[in-house]
Protein backbone atom coordinates (compact mmCIF):
# COMPACT_ATOMS: atom_id res chain seq x y z
CA MET A 1 63.99 105.36 112.57
CA SER A 2 60.79 107.71 111.47
CA SER A 3 57.07 106.64 112.49
CA LYS A 4 55.80 108.51 109.47
CA VAL A 5 54.30 106.69 106.51
CA SER A 6 56.00 108.09 103.43
CA ARG A 7 53.47 109.75 100.97
CA ASP A 8 54.26 107.21 98.57
CA THR A 9 54.01 104.42 100.53
CA LEU A 10 50.34 105.47 101.14
CA TYR A 11 49.18 105.35 97.66
CA LEU A 12 51.22 102.43 96.91
CA ALA A 13 48.98 100.69 99.57
CA VAL A 14 45.83 102.30 99.09
CA ARG A 15 46.23 101.19 94.91
CA LYS A 16 46.68 97.80 96.17
CA VAL A 17 43.50 97.50 98.41
CA LEU A 18 41.38 98.94 95.57
CA HIS A 19 43.20 96.98 92.89
CA GLY A 20 42.24 93.65 94.91
CA ASN A 21 39.01 94.61 95.74
CA GLN A 22 38.72 95.45 91.99
CA ARG A 23 39.37 91.92 91.37
CA LYS A 24 38.13 90.02 94.04
CA PRO A 25 34.85 92.02 95.85
CA ARG A 26 34.50 90.17 98.76
CA LYS A 27 31.25 90.20 101.34
CA PHE A 28 31.15 90.38 105.21
CA LEU A 29 28.77 88.32 106.62
CA GLU A 30 27.75 87.86 110.25
CA MET A 31 27.36 84.65 110.53
CA PHE A 32 24.69 82.62 113.48
CA SER A 33 22.62 80.19 114.42
CA ILE A 34 19.67 80.57 117.16
CA CYS A 35 18.50 77.56 118.65
CA VAL A 36 15.58 77.47 121.58
CA LEU A 37 16.14 75.36 124.83
CA GLY A 38 13.58 75.20 126.91
CA ASP A 39 10.68 73.00 128.10
CA GLN A 40 7.92 71.41 125.95
CA GLN A 41 6.28 75.10 125.60
CA HIS A 42 8.76 76.38 124.47
CA CYS A 43 9.70 73.72 122.12
CA ASP A 44 6.23 73.41 120.49
CA GLU A 45 5.57 77.01 120.20
CA ALA A 46 9.69 77.14 118.12
CA LYS A 47 8.36 74.59 115.77
CA ALA A 48 4.78 76.88 114.93
CA VAL A 49 7.48 79.44 114.12
CA ASP A 50 10.08 76.85 112.43
CA ILE A 51 13.04 77.75 114.40
CA PRO A 52 15.30 74.95 115.68
CA HIS A 53 14.79 73.74 119.12
CA MET A 54 16.01 71.17 122.05
CA GLY A 55 14.36 69.85 124.74
CA ILE A 56 14.83 68.77 128.91
CA LYS A 57 16.89 65.79 127.73
CA VAL A 58 19.34 67.64 125.18
CA LEU A 59 19.41 70.46 128.14
CA ARG A 60 20.65 67.51 130.55
CA LYS A 61 23.15 66.71 128.35
CA LEU A 62 24.50 70.53 127.49
CA ASN A 63 24.92 70.41 131.27
CA LYS A 64 27.84 68.22 130.95
CA ASN A 65 29.32 70.36 128.28
CA LYS A 66 28.07 74.39 128.72
CA LYS A 67 30.37 75.25 125.99
CA LEU A 68 28.03 73.60 123.65
CA ALA A 69 25.10 76.16 124.71
CA GLY A 70 26.24 79.06 122.96
CA LYS A 71 28.11 82.55 123.42
CA PHE A 72 25.27 84.54 123.95
CA PRO A 73 22.77 82.76 126.03
CA SER A 74 19.11 84.67 127.03
CA VAL A 75 16.26 83.89 129.38
CA MET A 76 12.27 83.91 127.71
CA THR A 77 9.61 82.89 129.56
CA HIS A 78 6.09 81.86 128.77
CA ASN A 79 4.43 85.03 129.04
CA GLU A 80 7.34 86.39 125.99
CA ASN A 81 6.19 86.74 121.78
CA MET A 82 8.89 84.09 120.66
CA VAL A 83 9.88 86.12 117.86
CA ALA A 84 10.17 89.15 119.35
CA LYS A 85 12.46 87.69 121.61
CA VAL A 86 14.69 86.26 118.69
CA ASP A 87 14.79 89.48 117.27
CA GLU A 88 15.71 91.08 119.61
CA VAL A 89 18.37 88.14 120.83
CA LYS A 90 19.55 88.47 116.92
CA SER A 91 19.90 92.12 117.25
CA THR A 92 21.81 92.31 120.37
CA ILE A 93 24.34 89.10 119.03
CA LYS A 94 24.80 92.05 115.89
CA PHE A 95 25.63 94.39 118.41
CA GLN A 96 27.69 92.78 120.34
CA MET A 97 29.92 91.44 116.79
CA LYS A 98 30.32 94.60 115.51
CA LYS A 99 31.28 95.76 118.86
CA VAL A 100 34.42 93.72 118.88
CA LEU A 101 35.02 93.43 115.28
CA CYS A 102 35.68 96.86 115.28
CA LEU A 103 39.61 96.81 115.63
CA ALA A 104 40.45 99.63 113.43
CA VAL A 105 38.45 103.14 112.22
CA ALA A 106 36.84 103.45 108.83
CA VAL A 107 38.82 105.74 107.02
CA GLY A 108 36.67 105.53 103.78
CA HIS A 109 34.75 102.98 101.05
CA MET A 110 35.72 101.39 98.05
CA GLN A 111 34.08 104.12 96.09
CA MET A 112 36.29 106.56 96.96
CA THR A 113 39.55 108.00 94.97
CA ASP A 114 42.57 106.98 95.85
CA ASP A 115 43.35 110.51 96.44
CA GLU A 116 40.32 110.59 98.54
CA LEU A 117 41.56 108.19 100.70
CA CYS A 118 45.03 109.32 101.22
CA THR A 119 43.94 112.42 102.66
CA THR A 120 41.21 110.57 104.93
CA SER A 121 43.93 108.64 106.12
CA THR A 122 47.23 111.43 107.30
């Protein structure tokens, strides 16, 4: 059994991918939401800039089920700017998601011809 893929098989696979993308283009979006968990001052700041928030009573309920708190918790002091901190957390989450989702190496894009894609993948 050979470990190399034949040229015809590679061209056939590339053509199927290109045809499938032209027929049904997909737009991948990273979806996540941010919620501020904090005391009354944090909740007031979050309400002022229209960010979802939860108070101390909800935090006590979350202590029983810590999975509800989320995957990327971050600490914020009263001196920090909330909008800047939210933007920082969003960029960190995007970076971590890209790091996790990148299981393969990109060899081209959909505007390349099938010949170009085959040469970059061999």
